[in-house]
PDB file of N, CA and C in Angstrom:
ATOM      1  N   ASP A   1      81.324  71.054 127.178  1.00  0.00           N
ATOM      2  CA  ASP A   1      81.028  72.428 127.510  1.00  0.00           C
ATOM      3  C   ASP A   1      79.880  72.732 127.982  1.00  0.00           C
ATOM      4  N   ALA A   2      80.077  73.598 129.048  1.00  0.00           N
ATOM      5  CA  ALA A   2      78.980  74.178 129.965  1.00  0.00           C
ATOM      6  C   ALA A   2      78.586  75.165 128.870  1.00  0.00           C
ATOM      7  N   GLY A   3      79.289  76.212 128.078  1.00  0.00           N
ATOM      8  CA  GLY A   3      78.634  76.304 127.164  1.00  0.00           C
ATOM      9  C   GLY A   3      79.078  78.247 127.640  1.00  0.00           C
ATOM     10  N   LEU A   4      80.166  78.278 128.606  1.00  0.00           N
ATOM     11  CA  LEU A   4      80.465  79.689 129.321  1.00  0.00           C
ATOM     12  C   LEU A   4      81.464  80.469 128.257  1.00  0.00           C
ATOM     13  N   ASP A   5      82.147  79.613 127.609  1.00  0.00           N
ATOM     14  CA  ASP A   5      83.253  80.194 127.056  1.00  0.00           C
ATOM     15  C   ASP A   5      82.740  81.346 125.777  1.00  0.00           C
ATOM     16  N   ASP A   6      83.143  82.422 125.931  1.00  0.00           N
ATOM     17  CA  ASP A   6      82.705  83.774 124.643  1.00  0.00           C
ATOM     18  C   ASP A   6      83.648  84.371 124.394  1.00  0.00           C
ATOM     19  N   ILE A   7      85.030  83.496 124.758  1.00  0.00           N
ATOM     20  CA  ILE A   7      85.698  84.605 124.163  1.00  0.00           C
ATOM     21  C   ILE A   7      86.143  84.162 122.613  1.00  0.00           C
ATOM     22  N   ARG A   8      86.190  83.255 121.924  1.00  0.00           N
ATOM     23  CA  ARG A   8      86.161  82.578 120.715  1.00  0.00           C
ATOM     24  C   ARG A   8      85.113  83.061 119.941  1.00  0.00           C
ATOM     25  N   ALA A   9      85.180  82.914 118.328  1.00  0.00           N
ATOM     26  CA  ALA A   9      84.405  83.608 117.587  1.00  0.00           C
ATOM     27  C   ALA A   9      83.120  83.073 117.397  1.00  0.00           C
ATOM     28  N   ILE A  10      83.594  81.354 117.347  1.00  0.00           N
ATOM     29  CA  ILE A  10      81.735  80.477 117.798  1.00  0.00           C
ATOM     30  C   ILE A  10      82.015  79.553 118.565  1.00  0.00           C
ATOM     31  N   THR A  11      80.746  79.807 119.462  1.00  0.00           N
ATOM     32  CA  THR A  11      80.984  78.874 120.865  1.00  0.00           C
ATOM     33  C   THR A  11      79.463  78.254 121.042  1.00  0.00           C
ATOM     34  N   ALA A  12      79.566  77.593 121.758  1.00  0.00           N
ATOM     35  CA  ALA A  12      78.029  76.745 122.396  1.00  0.00           C
ATOM     36  C   ALA A  12      77.363  77.680 122.916  1.00  0.00           C
ATOM     37  N   LEU A  13      77.882  78.435 123.656  1.00  0.00           N
ATOM     38  CA  LEU A  13      77.140  79.796 124.433  1.00  0.00           C
ATOM     39  C   LEU A  13      76.599  80.862 123.305  1.00  0.00           C
ATOM     40  N   LYS A  14      77.399  81.149 121.904  1.00  0.00           N
ATOM     41  CA  LYS A  14      76.994  81.992 120.691  1.00  0.00           C
ATOM     42  C   LYS A  14      75.693  81.206 120.104  1.00  0.00           C
ATOM     43  N   LEU A  15      76.261  80.027 119.878  1.00  0.00           N
ATOM     44  CA  LEU A  15      75.246  79.494 118.941  1.00  0.00           C
ATOM     45  C   LEU A  15      73.771  78.959 119.910  1.00  0.00           C
ATOM     46  N   LYS A  16      73.779  78.632 121.041  1.00  0.00           N
ATOM     47  CA  LYS A  16      72.949  78.741 121.635  1.00  0.00           C
ATOM     48  C   LYS A  16      71.716  79.957 121.810  1.00  0.00           C
ATOM     49  N   ASN A  17      72.403  81.210 121.583  1.00  0.00           N
ATOM     50  CA  ASN A  17      71.964  82.140 121.861  1.00  0.00           C
ATOM     51  C   ASN A  17      72.117  82.989 120.549  1.00  0.00           C
ATOM     52  N   TRP A  18      72.297  82.346 119.511  1.00  0.00           N
ATOM     53  CA  TRP A  18      71.507  82.940 117.915  1.00  0.00           C
ATOM     54  C   TRP A  18      70.531  83.237 117.764  1.00  0.00           C
ATOM     55  N   SER A  19      69.756  84.257 117.165  1.00  0.00           N
ATOM     56  CA  SER A  19      68.790  84.514 117.269  1.00  0.00           C
ATOM     57  C   SER A  19      68.188  83.962 116.075  1.00  0.00           C
ATOM     58  N   LEU A  20      69.336  83.322 115.162  1.00  0.00           N
ATOM     59  CA  LEU A  20      68.391  82.246 113.717  1.00  0.00           C
ATOM     60  C   LEU A  20      68.374  81.203 113.785  1.00  0.00           C
ATOM     61  N   ALA A  21      68.769  80.268 115.090  1.00  0.00           N
ATOM     62  CA  ALA A  21      69.048  79.258 115.612  1.00  0.00           C
ATOM     63  C   ALA A  21      67.691  78.255 115.608  1.00  0.00           C
ATOM     64  N   PRO A  22      67.813  76.871 114.450  1.00  0.00           N
ATOM     65  CA  PRO A  22      66.258  76.802 114.565  1.00  0.00           C
ATOM     66  C   PRO A  22      66.116  76.463 116.039  1.00  0.00           C
ATOM     67  N   LYS A  23      64.574  76.169 116.010  1.00  0.00           N
ATOM     68  CA  LYS A  23      63.872  75.937 117.245  1.00  0.00           C
ATOM     69  C   LYS A  23      62.748  74.806 117.273  1.00  0.00           C
ATOM     70  N   ARG A  24      62.568  74.022 118.447  1.00  0.00           N
ATOM     71  CA  ARG A  24      61.663  73.155 118.057  1.00  0.00           C
ATOM     72  C   ARG A  24      60.757  72.622 119.272  1.00  0.00           C
ATOM     73  N   TYR A  25      59.698  72.042 119.175  1.00  0.00           N
ATOM     74  CA  TYR A  25      59.337  71.250 120.466  1.00  0.00           C
ATOM     75  C   TYR A  25      58.669  70.442 120.391  1.00  0.00           C
ATOM     76  N   GLY A  26      58.786  69.637 120.769  1.00  0.00           N
ATOM     77  CA  GLY A  26      58.169  67.867 120.963  1.00  0.00           C
ATOM     78  C   GLY A  26      57.531  67.028 122.156  1.00  0.00           C
ATOM     79  N   GLN A  27      56.425  66.401 122.001  1.00  0.00           N
ATOM     80  CA  GLN A  27      55.228  66.314 122.714  1.00  0.00           C
ATOM     81  C   GLN A  27      54.624  65.014 122.588  1.00  0.00           C
ATOM     82  N   ALA A  28      54.964  63.682 123.527  1.00  0.00           N
ATOM     83  CA  ALA A  28      53.389  63.044 123.197  1.00  0.00           C
ATOM     84  C   ALA A  28      52.493  62.961 123.044  1.00  0.00           C
ATOM     85  N   VAL A  29      51.328  62.842 121.857  1.00  0.00           N
ATOM     86  CA  VAL A  29      49.968  63.067 121.828  1.00  0.00           C
ATOM     87  C   VAL A  29      49.308  61.772 121.896  1.00  0.00           C
ATOM     88  N   GLY A  30      48.291  62.189 122.285  1.00  0.00           N
ATOM     89  CA  GLY A  30      46.654  60.924 122.690  1.00  0.00           C
ATOM     90  C   GLY A  30      47.086  60.512 123.783  1.00  0.00           C
ATOM     91  N   ASP A  31      45.451  60.144 123.832  1.00  0.00           N
ATOM     92  CA  ASP A  31      44.586  60.134 125.765  1.00  0.00           C
ATOM     93  C   ASP A  31      43.846  58.867 125.461  1.00  0.00           C
ATOM     94  N   GLY A  32      43.353  58.511 124.137  1.00  0.00           N
ATOM     95  CA  GLY A  32      42.327  57.125 124.150  1.00  0.00           C
ATOM     96  C   GLY A  32      40.831  58.133 123.879  1.00  0.00           C
ATOM     97  N   SER A  33      40.713  59.063 124.003  1.00  0.00           N
ATOM     98  CA  SER A  33      39.220  59.990 123.547  1.00  0.00           C
ATOM     99  C   SER A  33      39.020  61.080 122.884  1.00  0.00           C
ATOM    100  N   SER A  34      40.548  61.643 123.176  1.00  0.00           N
ATOM    101  CA  SER A  34      40.282  63.097 121.981  1.00  0.00           C
ATOM    102  C   SER A  34      40.825  62.889 120.405  1.00  0.00           C
ATOM    103  N   THR A  35      40.062  63.424 120.146  1.00  0.00           N
ATOM    104  CA  THR A  35      40.427  63.467 118.393  1.00  0.00           C
ATOM    105  C   THR A  35      40.711  64.742 117.830  1.00  0.00           C
ATOM    106  N   SER A  36      40.819  65.791 118.560  1.00  0.00           N
ATOM    107  CA  SER A  36      41.163  67.031 118.188  1.00  0.00           C
ATOM    108  C   SER A  36      42.255  67.258 119.963  1.00  0.00           C
ATOM    109  N   ILE A  37      43.820  67.490 118.979  1.00  0.00           N
ATOM    110  CA  ILE A  37      44.706  67.753 120.137  1.00  0.00           C
ATOM    111  C   ILE A  37      45.469  69.127 119.975  1.00  0.00           C
ATOM    112  N   THR A  38      45.377  69.905 120.836  1.00  0.00           N
ATOM    113  CA  THR A  38      46.061  70.925 121.080  1.00  0.00           C
ATOM    114  C   THR A  38      47.597  70.883 121.437  1.00  0.00           C
ATOM    115  N   VAL A  39      48.767  71.474 121.008  1.00  0.00           N
ATOM    116  CA  VAL A  39      50.512  71.329 120.938  1.00  0.00           C
ATOM    117  C   VAL A  39      50.450  72.587 121.419  1.00  0.00           C
ATOM    118  N   THR A  40      50.746  73.119 122.495  1.00  0.00           N
ATOM    119  CA  THR A  40      51.317  74.517 122.660  1.00  0.00           C
ATOM    120  C   THR A  40      52.626  74.498 122.725  1.00  0.00           C
ATOM    121  N   HIS A  41      53.598  75.173 121.212  1.00  0.00           N
ATOM    122  CA  HIS A  41      54.851  75.078 121.696  1.00  0.00           C
ATOM    123  C   HIS A  41      55.673  75.905 122.036  1.00  0.00           C
ATOM    124  N   ASN A  42      55.013  77.625 121.647  1.00  0.00           N
ATOM    125  CA  ASN A  42      55.354  78.537 121.926  1.00  0.00           C
ATOM    126  C   ASN A  42      56.579  79.417 121.374  1.00  0.00           C
ATOM    127  N   LEU A  43      56.675  79.225 120.062  1.00  0.00           N
ATOM    128  CA  LEU A  43      57.310  79.290 119.543  1.00  0.00           C
ATOM    129  C   LEU A  43      57.144  80.673 118.789  1.00  0.00           C
ATOM    130  N   ASN A  44      56.028  81.450 118.830  1.00  0.00           N
ATOM    131  CA  ASN A  44      55.696  82.740 118.436  1.00  0.00           C
ATOM    132  C   ASN A  44      55.993  82.267 117.048  1.00  0.00           C
ATOM    133  N   SER A  45      55.286  82.105 116.380  1.00  0.00           N
ATOM    134  CA  SER A  45      55.291  82.127 115.066  1.00  0.00           C
ATOM    135  C   SER A  45      53.970  81.095 114.082  1.00  0.00           C
ATOM    136  N   ARG A  46      53.325  80.840 113.241  1.00  0.00           N
ATOM    137  CA  ARG A  46      52.262  80.300 112.393  1.00  0.00           C
ATOM    138  C   ARG A  46      53.502  79.525 111.778  1.00  0.00           C
ATOM    139  N   ASP A  47      54.365  80.266 111.157  1.00  0.00           N
ATOM    140  CA  ASP A  47      55.225  79.559 110.089  1.00  0.00           C
ATOM    141  C   ASP A  47      56.099  78.243 110.720  1.00  0.00           C
ATOM    142  N   VAL A  48      55.338  78.061 111.158  1.00  0.00           N
ATOM    143  CA  VAL A  48      56.240  76.270 111.566  1.00  0.00           C
ATOM    144  C   VAL A  48      55.759  74.788 110.835  1.00  0.00           C
ATOM    145  N   ILE A  49      56.702  74.292 110.431  1.00  0.00           N
ATOM    146  CA  ILE A  49      56.912  72.401 110.241  1.00  0.00           C
ATOM    147  C   ILE A  49      56.395  71.555 111.097  1.00  0.00           C
ATOM    148  N   VAL A  50      55.107  71.290 110.845  1.00  0.00           N
ATOM    149  CA  VAL A  50      54.672  70.264 112.150  1.00  0.00           C
ATOM    150  C   VAL A  50      55.150  68.513 111.776  1.00  0.00           C
ATOM    151  N   GLU A  51      55.625  67.320 112.126  1.00  0.00           N
ATOM    152  CA  GLU A  51      55.706  66.252 112.108  1.00  0.00           C
ATOM    153  C   GLU A  51      55.118  65.318 113.118  1.00  0.00           C
ATOM    154  N   VAL A  52      54.222  64.485 112.478  1.00  0.00           N
ATOM    155  CA  VAL A  52      54.085  63.435 113.937  1.00  0.00           C
ATOM    156  C   VAL A  52      54.128  62.228 113.042  1.00  0.00           C
ATOM    157  N   TYR A  53      54.864  61.338 114.454  1.00  0.00           N
ATOM    158  CA  TYR A  53      55.179  60.088 114.302  1.00  0.00           C
ATOM    159  C   TYR A  53      54.675  58.815 115.054  1.00  0.00           C
ATOM    160  N   ARG A  54      54.538  57.871 115.177  1.00  0.00           N
ATOM    161  CA  ARG A  54      54.461  56.880 115.672  1.00  0.00           C
ATOM    162  C   ARG A  54      55.215  56.540 117.003  1.00  0.00           C
ATOM    163  N   ASN A  55      54.492  56.597 118.189  1.00  0.00           N
ATOM    164  CA  ASN A  55      55.873  56.833 119.173  1.00  0.00           C
ATOM    165  C   ASN A  55      56.384  55.476 119.389  1.00  0.00           C
ATOM    166  N   SER A  56      55.586  54.554 118.832  1.00  0.00           N
ATOM    167  CA  SER A  56      56.528  52.623 119.025  1.00  0.00           C
ATOM    168  C   SER A  56      56.513  52.022 117.903  1.00  0.00           C
ATOM    169  N   GLY A  57      56.885  51.159 117.994  1.00  0.00           N
ATOM    170  CA  GLY A  57      56.863  50.035 116.424  1.00  0.00           C
ATOM    171  C   GLY A  57      57.957  50.376 115.559  1.00  0.00           C
ATOM    172  N   ASN A  58      57.939  50.739 114.298  1.00  0.00           N
ATOM    173  CA  ASN A  58      58.426  51.513 113.315  1.00  0.00           C
ATOM    174  C   ASN A  58      58.817  53.006 113.246  1.00  0.00           C
ATOM    175  N   TYR A  59      58.288  54.014 114.400  1.00  0.00           N
ATOM    176  CA  TYR A  59      58.125  55.036 114.287  1.00  0.00           C
ATOM    177  C   TYR A  59      57.941  56.074 113.127  1.00  0.00           C
ATOM    178  N   ASP A  60      57.313  55.504 112.137  1.00  0.00           N
ATOM    179  CA  ASP A  60      56.648  56.158 110.886  1.00  0.00           C
ATOM    180  C   ASP A  60      55.762  57.293 111.201  1.00  0.00           C
ATOM    181  N   THR A  61      56.081  57.865 109.865  1.00  0.00           N
ATOM    182  CA  THR A  61      55.276  59.474 110.121  1.00  0.00           C
ATOM    183  C   THR A  61      53.747  59.021 109.515  1.00  0.00           C
ATOM    184  N   VAL A  62      53.165  59.630 110.155  1.00  0.00           N
ATOM    185  CA  VAL A  62      51.739  59.629 109.586  1.00  0.00           C
ATOM    186  C   VAL A  62      51.279  60.845 109.328  1.00  0.00           C
ATOM    187  N   PHE A  63      49.794  61.212 108.633  1.00  0.00           N
ATOM    188  CA  PHE A  63      49.380  62.360 108.020  1.00  0.00           C
ATOM    189  C   PHE A  63      48.229  62.774 108.679  1.00  0.00           C
ATOM    190  N   VAL A  64      48.293  63.743 109.420  1.00  0.00           N
ATOM    191  CA  VAL A  64      46.685  64.159 110.418  1.00  0.00           C
ATOM    192  C   VAL A  64      46.863  65.488 109.683  1.00  0.00           C
ATOM    193  N   GLU A  65      45.383  66.352 109.816  1.00  0.00           N
ATOM    194  CA  GLU A  65      45.071  67.788 109.699  1.00  0.00           C
ATOM    195  C   GLU A  65      45.840  68.457 110.742  1.00  0.00           C
ATOM    196  N   THR A  66      46.380  69.052 110.222  1.00  0.00           N
ATOM    197  CA  THR A  66      47.445  70.100 111.129  1.00  0.00           C
ATOM    198  C   THR A  66      46.540  71.802 110.780  1.00  0.00           C
ATOM    199  N   ARG A  67      46.268  72.279 111.913  1.00  0.00           N
ATOM    200  CA  ARG A  67      45.746  73.563 112.008  1.00  0.00           C
ATOM    201  C   ARG A  67      46.912  74.578 113.260  1.00  0.00           C
ATOM    202  N   ARG A  68      47.087  75.815 112.153  1.00  0.00           N
ATOM    203  CA  ARG A  68      48.137  76.608 113.191  1.00  0.00           C
ATOM    204  C   ARG A  68      46.748  77.693 113.649  1.00  0.00           C
ATOM    205  N   THR A  69      46.230  76.791 115.311  1.00  0.00           N
ATOM    206  CA  THR A  69      45.252  77.937 115.487  1.00  0.00           C
ATOM    207  C   THR A  69      46.177  79.241 116.528  1.00  0.00           C
ATOM    208  N   SER A  70      47.116  79.306 116.457  1.00  0.00           N
ATOM    209  CA  SER A  70      47.482  80.359 117.137  1.00  0.00           C
ATOM    210  C   SER A  70      49.232  80.653 116.952  1.00  0.00           C
ATOM    211  N   VAL A  71      49.775  81.388 117.111  1.00  0.00           N
ATOM    212  CA  VAL A  71      51.260  81.723 117.035  1.00  0.00           C
ATOM    213  C   VAL A  71      52.308  80.572 117.723  1.00  0.00           C
ATOM    214  N   ASN A  72      51.407  79.976 118.967  1.00  0.00           N
ATOM    215  CA  ASN A  72      51.757  79.041 119.761  1.00  0.00           C
ATOM    216  C   ASN A  72      50.632  77.681 120.319  1.00  0.00           C
ATOM    217  N   ALA A  73      50.350  77.594 119.101  1.00  0.00           N
ATOM    218  CA  ALA A  73      49.698  76.163 119.469  1.00  0.00           C
ATOM    219  C   ALA A  73      49.590  75.976 118.096  1.00  0.00           C
ATOM    220  N   VAL A  74      49.456  74.407 117.773  1.00  0.00           N
ATOM    221  CA  VAL A  74      48.562  73.565 116.440  1.00  0.00           C
ATOM    222  C   VAL A  74      47.713  72.686 117.062  1.00  0.00           C
ATOM    223  N   THR A  75      47.023  72.398 116.107  1.00  0.00           N
ATOM    224  CA  THR A  75      45.867  71.358 116.402  1.00  0.00           C
ATOM    225  C   THR A  75      46.087  70.218 115.993  1.00  0.00           C
ATOM    226  N   LEU A  76      45.952  69.155 116.142  1.00  0.00           N
ATOM    227  CA  LEU A  76      46.079  68.050 115.633  1.00  0.00           C
ATOM    228  C   LEU A  76      44.965  67.284 115.607  1.00  0.00           C
ATOM    229  N   VAL A  77      44.582  67.397 114.076  1.00  0.00           N
ATOM    230  CA  VAL A  77      42.902  66.768 114.246  1.00  0.00           C
ATOM    231  C   VAL A  77      42.867  65.219 113.794  1.00  0.00           C
ATOM    232  N   PHE A  78      42.921  64.225 114.563  1.00  0.00           N
ATOM    233  CA  PHE A  78      42.548  62.663 114.179  1.00  0.00           C
ATOM    234  C   PHE A  78      41.051  62.017 113.987  1.00  0.00           C
ATOM    235  N   ASP A  79      41.161  61.113 112.575  1.00  0.00           N
ATOM    236  CA  ASP A  79      39.752  60.295 112.248  1.00  0.00           C
ATOM    237  C   ASP A  79      39.704  59.447 113.657  1.00  0.00           C
ATOM    238  N   THR A  80      40.670  59.017 114.324  1.00  0.00           N
ATOM    239  CA  THR A  80      39.728  58.290 115.534  1.00  0.00           C
ATOM    240  C   THR A  80      40.634  58.766 116.485  1.00  0.00           C
ATOM    241  N   ALA A  81      40.603  58.738 118.075  1.00  0.00           N
ATOM    242  CA  ALA A  81      41.316  59.120 118.920  1.00  0.00           C
ATOM    243  C   ALA A  81      42.251  58.003 119.025  1.00  0.00           C
ATOM    244  N   PRO A  82      43.537  58.725 118.805  1.00  0.00           N
ATOM    245  CA  PRO A  82      44.637  57.642 119.669  1.00  0.00           C
ATOM    246  C   PRO A  82      44.846  57.308 120.782  1.00  0.00           C
ATOM    247  N   SER A  83      45.469  56.506 120.861  1.00  0.00           N
ATOM    248  CA  SER A  83      46.039  55.950 122.302  1.00  0.00           C
ATOM    249  C   SER A  83      46.647  56.596 123.563  1.00  0.00           C
ATOM    250  N   ALA A  84      46.710  56.295 124.541  1.00  0.00           N
ATOM    251  CA  ALA A  84      47.576  57.249 125.572  1.00  0.00           C
ATOM    252  C   ALA A  84      48.949  57.749 124.429  1.00  0.00           C
ATOM    253  N   SER A  85      49.454  58.788 124.642  1.00  0.00           N
ATOM    254  CA  SER A  85      51.059  59.017 124.245  1.00  0.00           C
ATOM    255  C   SER A  85      51.247  57.655 122.771  1.00  0.00           C
ATOM    256  N   ALA A  86      50.412  57.802 121.773  1.00  0.00           N
ATOM    257  CA  ALA A  86      50.308  56.552 121.141  1.00  0.00           C
ATOM    258  C   ALA A  86      51.449  57.288 119.845  1.00  0.00           C
ATOM    259  N   PHE A  87      51.220  59.068 119.690  1.00  0.00           N
ATOM    260  CA  PHE A  87      52.221  59.580 118.602  1.00  0.00           C
ATOM    261  C   PHE A  87      52.752  60.527 119.767  1.00  0.00           C
ATOM    262  N   TYR A  88      54.001  61.214 118.566  1.00  0.00           N
ATOM    263  CA  TYR A  88      54.940  62.006 119.123  1.00  0.00           C
ATOM    264  C   TYR A  88      54.635  63.159 118.010  1.00  0.00           C
ATOM    265  N   CYS A  89      54.660  64.445 118.587  1.00  0.00           N
ATOM    266  CA  CYS A  89      54.414  65.739 117.804  1.00  0.00           C
ATOM    267  C   CYS A  89      55.705  66.749 117.544  1.00  0.00           C
ATOM    268  N   VAL A  90      56.094  66.863 116.894  1.00  0.00           N
ATOM    269  CA  VAL A  90      57.491  67.727 116.837  1.00  0.00           C
ATOM    270  C   VAL A  90      56.919  68.662 116.103  1.00  0.00           C
ATOM    271  N   VAL A  91      57.272  70.021 116.554  1.00  0.00           N
ATOM    272  CA  VAL A  91      56.840  71.594 116.150  1.00  0.00           C
ATOM    273  C   VAL A  91      58.608  72.013 115.796  1.00  0.00           C
ATOM    274  N   LYS A  92      58.485  72.233 114.281  1.00  0.00           N
ATOM    275  CA  LYS A  92      60.370  72.849 113.965  1.00  0.00           C
ATOM    276  C   LYS A  92      59.857  74.564 113.431  1.00  0.00           C
ATOM    277  N   TYR A  93      60.676  75.237 114.278  1.00  0.00           N
ATOM    278  CA  TYR A  93      60.139  77.039 113.745  1.00  0.00           C
ATOM    279  C   TYR A  93      61.735  77.151 112.983  1.00  0.00           C
TER     280      TYR A  93
END
């Protein structure tokens, strides 16, 4: 479905443009030197849920200090610098 049908009551196009639809942003994080990493999600809200998980192995969730530094960004603070793309961060609104 290309999402172009707008005749029916509920369509892919209507769901895509629904203002209350959940929004999310994801990005790999880690560079081997930074312990503080900013993730710019552009969701225009501090009312976000942030999850960080390993980007390999068993993909388990890890707990890091999370700061909602603006309505469009969060900062993750690690005890030690994660290696390049070691983790994946998902921000949900």
